[in-house]
Amino acid sequence: MSSGSVLNTTQQYWALSDNTVQPGFAQHFIAGAHWEPAGLLFSVEAYYKNLDQVKEYTQNDIIGGGIPISRTVLAGTGVAQGVEIMALKKHGWLSGWCSFTRGRIEYTIPGINKGIAYSASHNRQNEFKIVVLADHKDWNVGLTWIYTSGANYTPIWRKPQGNPNNPVGDIRKDYVIGEKNSAQLPDYHRLDFNASRHFRLGPLQMDFGISIYNAYNHENVIRRTVFQDRDELKLKDTKMLGIIPGIYLKINYGQTP
């Protein structure tokens, strides 16, 4: 089970369940079709899932301390549905695959978001992946590009007019929490590249390669933290790693298997 805290809008917390919590249940329906002409594969698949006993924490600050988990969570229902399309090239010096998934995951939990359905924290509406592999003589080259919709989070903002009777630092009263997971982080995307060359030198079999993670150095936001700086409400984004180049040399003695 996971949840976002009041001022940390995308932070996730996890705790072990106990025997006071009913297990989750899902009813899954899948329908799909595929077509395989020579060396290729095309497929489409749709899914629909009914969820029961999905959980969200009520308050993060009372987790633990011997309190039964059932007193710190609320339970409800959910729906997950979507469609995935994929194309695959199996053979030849140039191969690879690409896929596109469009989906939606919504929870409805009494006591959260006024009982109105909201997007699950791990919902990603769109996801696209493409992988290209080239294998020619002693060269191997690969490209991978990934794109996904940004994560959902719950926005927080300052009230237009504060209540002077509120004690200083009382964040829960001075600020307004928006609808559950009604805002979205920027979309996530990156390009990874790798290339290697095989060499033979007498009894030695060598592979020399390079790799580049996040080749165009895109700044992907994975967490948005809201904090108070005196009388101002500020945002701080936590980002994934930028471009990371790598190099390797592998040496084997004798014939390769």
Protein backbone atom coordinates (compact mmCIF):
# COMPACT_ATOMS: atom_id res chain seq x y z
CA MET A 1 0.00 0.00 0.00
CA SER A 2 1.22 3.50 -0.75
CA SER A 3 0.22 7.09 -0.28
CA GLY A 4 1.36 10.69 -0.78
CA SER A 5 1.91 12.92 2.28
CA VAL A 6 0.37 16.35 2.77
CA LEU A 7 3.40 18.39 1.69
CA ASN A 8 5.20 15.74 -0.34
CA THR A 9 2.78 15.31 -3.19
CA THR A 10 4.40 12.42 -5.05
CA GLN A 11 6.31 10.64 -2.29
CA GLN A 12 5.31 7.00 -1.82
CA TYR A 13 5.28 5.14 1.51
CA TRP A 14 5.10 1.40 1.99
CA ALA A 15 4.23 -0.79 4.97
CA LEU A 16 3.75 -4.50 5.50
CA SER A 17 0.15 -5.58 5.74
CA ASP A 18 -1.26 -7.60 8.62
CA ASN A 19 -4.23 -9.89 9.27
CA THR A 20 -6.55 -6.94 9.91
CA VAL A 21 -6.56 -5.98 6.23
CA GLN A 22 -8.63 -7.84 3.65
CA PRO A 23 -6.68 -8.91 0.55
CA GLY A 24 -7.24 -7.23 -2.78
CA PHE A 25 -9.24 -8.88 -5.54
CA ALA A 26 -9.21 -8.42 -9.31
CA GLN A 27 -11.36 -9.74 -12.13
CA HIS A 28 -9.41 -9.56 -15.37
CA PHE A 29 -10.74 -9.67 -18.94
CA ILE A 30 -8.41 -9.76 -21.96
CA ALA A 31 -9.11 -9.91 -25.70
CA GLY A 32 -6.53 -9.72 -28.44
CA ALA A 33 -5.46 -10.71 -31.92
CA HIS A 34 -2.16 -11.11 -33.73
CA TRP A 35 -0.95 -11.54 -37.28
CA GLU A 36 2.39 -13.08 -38.27
CA PRO A 37 3.47 -12.54 -41.86
CA ALA A 38 6.99 -13.68 -42.76
CA GLY A 39 9.45 -12.44 -40.14
CA LEU A 40 6.98 -9.98 -38.62
CA LEU A 41 4.44 -9.90 -35.83
CA PHE A 42 1.57 -7.47 -35.34
CA SER A 43 -0.66 -7.67 -32.30
CA VAL A 44 -3.39 -5.73 -30.52
CA GLU A 45 -4.72 -6.48 -27.05
CA ALA A 46 -7.41 -4.87 -24.91
CA TYR A 47 -7.88 -5.43 -21.20
CA TYR A 48 -10.40 -4.55 -18.52
CA LYS A 49 -9.90 -5.20 -14.82
CA ASN A 50 -12.32 -4.77 -11.92
CA LEU A 51 -10.52 -4.12 -8.65
CA ASP A 52 -11.86 -4.59 -5.14
CA GLN A 53 -10.31 -3.79 -1.76
CA VAL A 54 -7.82 -1.28 -3.16
CA LYS A 55 -6.20 0.65 -0.31
CA GLU A 56 -5.04 4.18 0.43
CA TYR A 57 -3.56 5.49 3.67
CA THR A 58 -5.65 7.90 5.74
CA GLN A 59 -2.78 9.66 7.54
CA ASN A 60 0.92 8.96 7.10
CA ASP A 61 1.85 10.27 10.54
CA ILE A 62 0.03 7.49 12.41
CA ILE A 63 1.55 4.56 10.53
CA GLY A 64 3.37 2.18 12.83
CA GLY A 65 3.57 2.29 16.61
CA GLY A 66 1.60 -0.95 16.94
CA ILE A 67 -1.53 0.51 15.34
CA PRO A 68 -3.33 -2.07 13.14
CA ILE A 69 -2.96 -1.30 9.45
CA SER A 70 -6.74 -1.47 9.03
CA ARG A 71 -7.05 1.71 11.14
CA THR A 72 -4.69 3.67 8.88
CA VAL A 73 -6.18 2.79 5.49
CA LEU A 74 -9.41 3.18 3.58
CA ALA A 75 -10.62 0.58 1.09
CA GLY A 76 -12.60 0.89 -2.11
CA THR A 77 -12.92 -0.26 -5.70
CA GLY A 78 -11.10 0.46 -8.91
CA VAL A 79 -11.06 -0.04 -12.66
CA ALA A 80 -8.07 -0.57 -14.97
CA GLN A 81 -8.58 -0.60 -18.72
CA GLY A 82 -6.58 0.00 -21.85
CA VAL A 83 -5.29 -1.22 -25.18
CA GLU A 84 -1.79 -2.16 -26.38
CA ILE A 85 -0.57 -2.28 -29.98
CA MET A 86 2.75 -3.87 -30.91
CA ALA A 87 4.80 -4.48 -34.07
CA LEU A 88 7.86 -6.76 -34.09
CA LYS A 89 10.50 -7.56 -36.69
CA LYS A 90 12.12 -10.86 -35.77
CA HIS A 91 14.87 -11.59 -38.28
CA GLY A 92 17.53 -9.97 -40.42
CA TRP A 93 20.46 -7.73 -39.67
CA LEU A 94 17.96 -5.07 -38.57
CA SER A 95 15.35 -6.08 -36.04
CA GLY A 96 13.36 -4.59 -33.19
CA TRP A 97 9.92 -3.77 -31.97
CA CYS A 98 7.67 -0.88 -31.01
CA SER A 99 4.59 -0.71 -28.83
CA PHE A 100 2.00 1.81 -27.75
CA THR A 101 -0.20 1.47 -24.68
CA ARG A 102 -3.08 3.72 -23.72
CA GLY A 103 -4.65 2.97 -20.38
CA ARG A 104 -6.49 4.31 -17.39
CA ILE A 105 -6.53 3.25 -13.73
CA GLU A 106 -9.08 4.84 -11.43
CA TYR A 107 -9.94 4.27 -7.77
CA THR A 108 -13.14 5.10 -5.94
CA ILE A 109 -12.65 5.08 -2.17
CA PRO A 110 -15.20 6.52 0.27
CA GLY A 111 -13.49 9.12 2.43
CA ILE A 112 -10.96 10.11 -0.24
CA ASN A 113 -11.58 12.82 -2.83
CA LYS A 114 -15.18 13.13 -1.57
CA GLY A 115 -15.86 9.62 -2.87
CA ILE A 116 -15.27 10.73 -6.48
CA ALA A 117 -13.20 8.50 -8.77
CA TYR A 118 -9.59 9.64 -9.23
CA SER A 119 -6.52 8.48 -11.16
CA ALA A 120 -4.27 6.04 -9.34
CA SER A 121 -0.79 7.30 -8.49
CA HIS A 122 0.82 4.74 -10.81
CA ASN A 123 -1.52 5.50 -13.73
CA ARG A 124 0.28 6.37 -16.98
CA GLN A 125 -2.19 7.29 -19.69
CA ASN A 126 0.20 6.86 -22.63
CA GLU A 127 3.33 4.76 -23.02
CA PHE A 128 5.39 4.33 -26.17
CA LYS A 129 8.53 2.22 -26.62
CA ILE A 130 10.70 1.59 -29.65
CA VAL A 131 13.73 -0.70 -29.80
CA VAL A 132 16.00 -0.95 -32.85
CA LEU A 133 18.77 -3.58 -33.05
CA ALA A 134 21.37 -3.81 -35.79
CA ASP A 135 23.73 -6.80 -36.11
CA HIS A 136 26.12 -6.62 -39.05
CA LYS A 137 29.28 -8.72 -39.16
CA ASP A 138 31.20 -7.86 -35.97
CA TRP A 139 29.10 -4.83 -35.07
CA ASN A 140 26.09 -4.67 -32.74
CA VAL A 141 24.16 -1.44 -32.31
CA GLY A 142 21.03 -0.77 -30.29
CA LEU A 143 18.68 2.17 -29.76
CA THR A 144 15.85 2.38 -27.23
CA TRP A 145 13.43 5.29 -26.89
CA ILE A 146 10.87 5.45 -24.12
CA TYR A 147 8.01 7.89 -23.64
CA THR A 148 5.38 7.86 -20.90
CA SER A 149 2.87 10.33 -19.56
CA GLY A 150 3.92 12.03 -16.35
CA ALA A 151 2.93 10.71 -12.94
CA ASN A 152 -0.15 12.06 -11.19
CA TYR A 153 0.08 14.04 -7.99
CA THR A 154 -2.14 16.04 -5.68
CA PRO A 155 -1.65 19.82 -5.99
CA ILE A 156 -1.34 22.09 -2.95
CA TRP A 157 -1.66 25.87 -2.96
CA ARG A 158 -1.89 28.76 -0.52
CA LYS A 159 -5.31 30.15 0.37
CA PRO A 160 -5.91 33.57 -1.23
CA GLN A 161 -6.64 34.97 2.23
CA GLY A 162 -5.21 33.29 5.28
CA ASN A 163 -7.00 33.01 8.58
CA PRO A 164 -5.17 35.18 11.16
CA ASN A 165 -6.43 32.89 13.92
CA ASN A 166 -4.40 29.97 12.56
CA PRO A 167 -1.24 29.24 14.54
CA VAL A 168 2.04 29.90 12.78
CA GLY A 169 3.23 26.88 10.85
CA ASP A 170 -0.14 25.12 10.80
CA ILE A 171 0.24 23.90 7.21
CA ARG A 172 -2.95 21.88 7.11
CA LYS A 173 -5.04 24.98 7.82
CA ASP A 174 -3.05 27.59 5.89
CA TYR A 175 -3.00 25.69 2.60
CA VAL A 176 -5.55 24.04 0.36
CA ILE A 177 -5.12 20.50 -0.95
CA GLY A 178 -6.56 19.98 -4.43
CA GLU A 179 -8.45 17.00 -5.77
CA LYS A 180 -6.61 13.71 -5.39
CA ASN A 181 -4.06 13.15 -8.20
CA SER A 182 -5.63 15.90 -10.33
CA ALA A 183 -2.27 17.33 -11.49
CA GLN A 184 0.41 15.71 -13.60
CA LEU A 185 4.20 15.83 -13.75
CA PRO A 186 5.88 16.57 -17.11
CA ASP A 187 6.02 13.66 -19.55
CA TYR A 188 8.94 11.26 -19.21
CA HIS A 189 11.12 10.34 -22.19
CA ARG A 190 14.72 9.35 -22.90
CA LEU A 191 16.93 7.75 -25.55
CA ASP A 192 19.48 5.02 -24.74
CA PHE A 193 22.24 3.98 -27.15
CA ASN A 194 24.75 1.13 -27.17
CA ALA A 195 27.27 -0.15 -29.70
CA SER A 196 29.89 -2.91 -29.56
CA ARG A 197 32.57 -4.35 -31.84
CA HIS A 198 33.90 -7.90 -31.71
CA PHE A 199 37.62 -8.48 -32.24
CA ARG A 200 39.77 -11.58 -32.57
CA LEU A 201 43.43 -11.50 -31.67
CA GLY A 202 44.97 -14.96 -31.72
CA PRO A 203 43.32 -16.98 -28.93
CA LEU A 204 41.67 -13.85 -27.52
CA GLN A 205 38.03 -12.97 -28.17
CA MET A 206 37.35 -9.32 -27.34
CA ASP A 207 34.28 -7.11 -27.27
CA PHE A 208 34.68 -3.37 -26.99
CA GLY A 209 31.56 -1.31 -26.44
CA ILE A 210 30.11 2.02 -25.48
CA SER A 211 26.73 2.95 -24.02
CA ILE A 212 24.92 6.21 -23.45
CA TYR A 213 22.00 6.45 -21.03
CA ASN A 214 19.62 9.37 -21.68
CA ALA A 215 21.60 10.38 -24.77
CA TYR A 216 19.99 13.81 -25.22
CA ASN A 217 20.18 14.57 -21.49
CA HIS A 218 16.47 15.16 -20.94
CA GLU A 219 15.48 16.23 -17.42
CA ASN A 220 12.83 13.76 -16.27
CA VAL A 221 10.93 14.73 -13.12
CA ILE A 222 10.02 11.75 -10.94
CA ARG A 223 8.90 13.55 -7.76
CA ARG A 224 7.47 16.94 -6.89
CA THR A 225 7.84 18.12 -3.30
CA VAL A 226 5.92 21.05 -1.86
CA PHE A 227 7.49 22.89 1.07
CA GLN A 228 7.03 26.11 2.97
CA ASP A 229 9.73 28.80 2.88
CA ARG A 230 8.61 31.45 5.36
CA ASP A 231 5.32 32.69 3.92
CA GLU A 232 5.80 31.19 0.47
CA LEU A 233 4.83 27.81 -0.91
CA LYS A 234 7.54 26.42 -3.17
CA LEU A 235 7.99 23.39 -5.39
CA LYS A 236 11.07 21.22 -5.61
CA ASP A 237 11.42 18.68 -8.40
CA THR A 238 13.51 15.53 -8.02
CA LYS A 239 14.89 14.46 -11.38
CA MET A 240 16.21 11.24 -12.84
CA LEU A 241 19.82 10.92 -13.89
CA GLY A 242 20.98 12.93 -16.89
CA ILE A 243 23.25 11.66 -19.63
CA ILE A 244 25.57 8.84 -18.50
CA PRO A 245 28.21 7.54 -20.94
CA GLY A 246 29.84 4.17 -20.38
CA ILE A 247 32.62 2.10 -21.89
CA TYR A 248 33.63 -1.53 -21.48
CA LEU A 249 36.08 -4.14 -22.73
CA LYS A 250 35.38 -7.86 -22.38
CA ILE A 251 38.16 -10.40 -23.06
CA ASN A 252 37.72 -14.17 -23.36
CA TYR A 253 40.53 -16.60 -23.83
CA GLY A 254 40.00 -19.43 -26.29
CA GLN A 255 37.09 -20.16 -28.59
CA THR A 256 33.69 -18.76 -27.74
CA PRO A 257 30.97 -21.36 -27.18
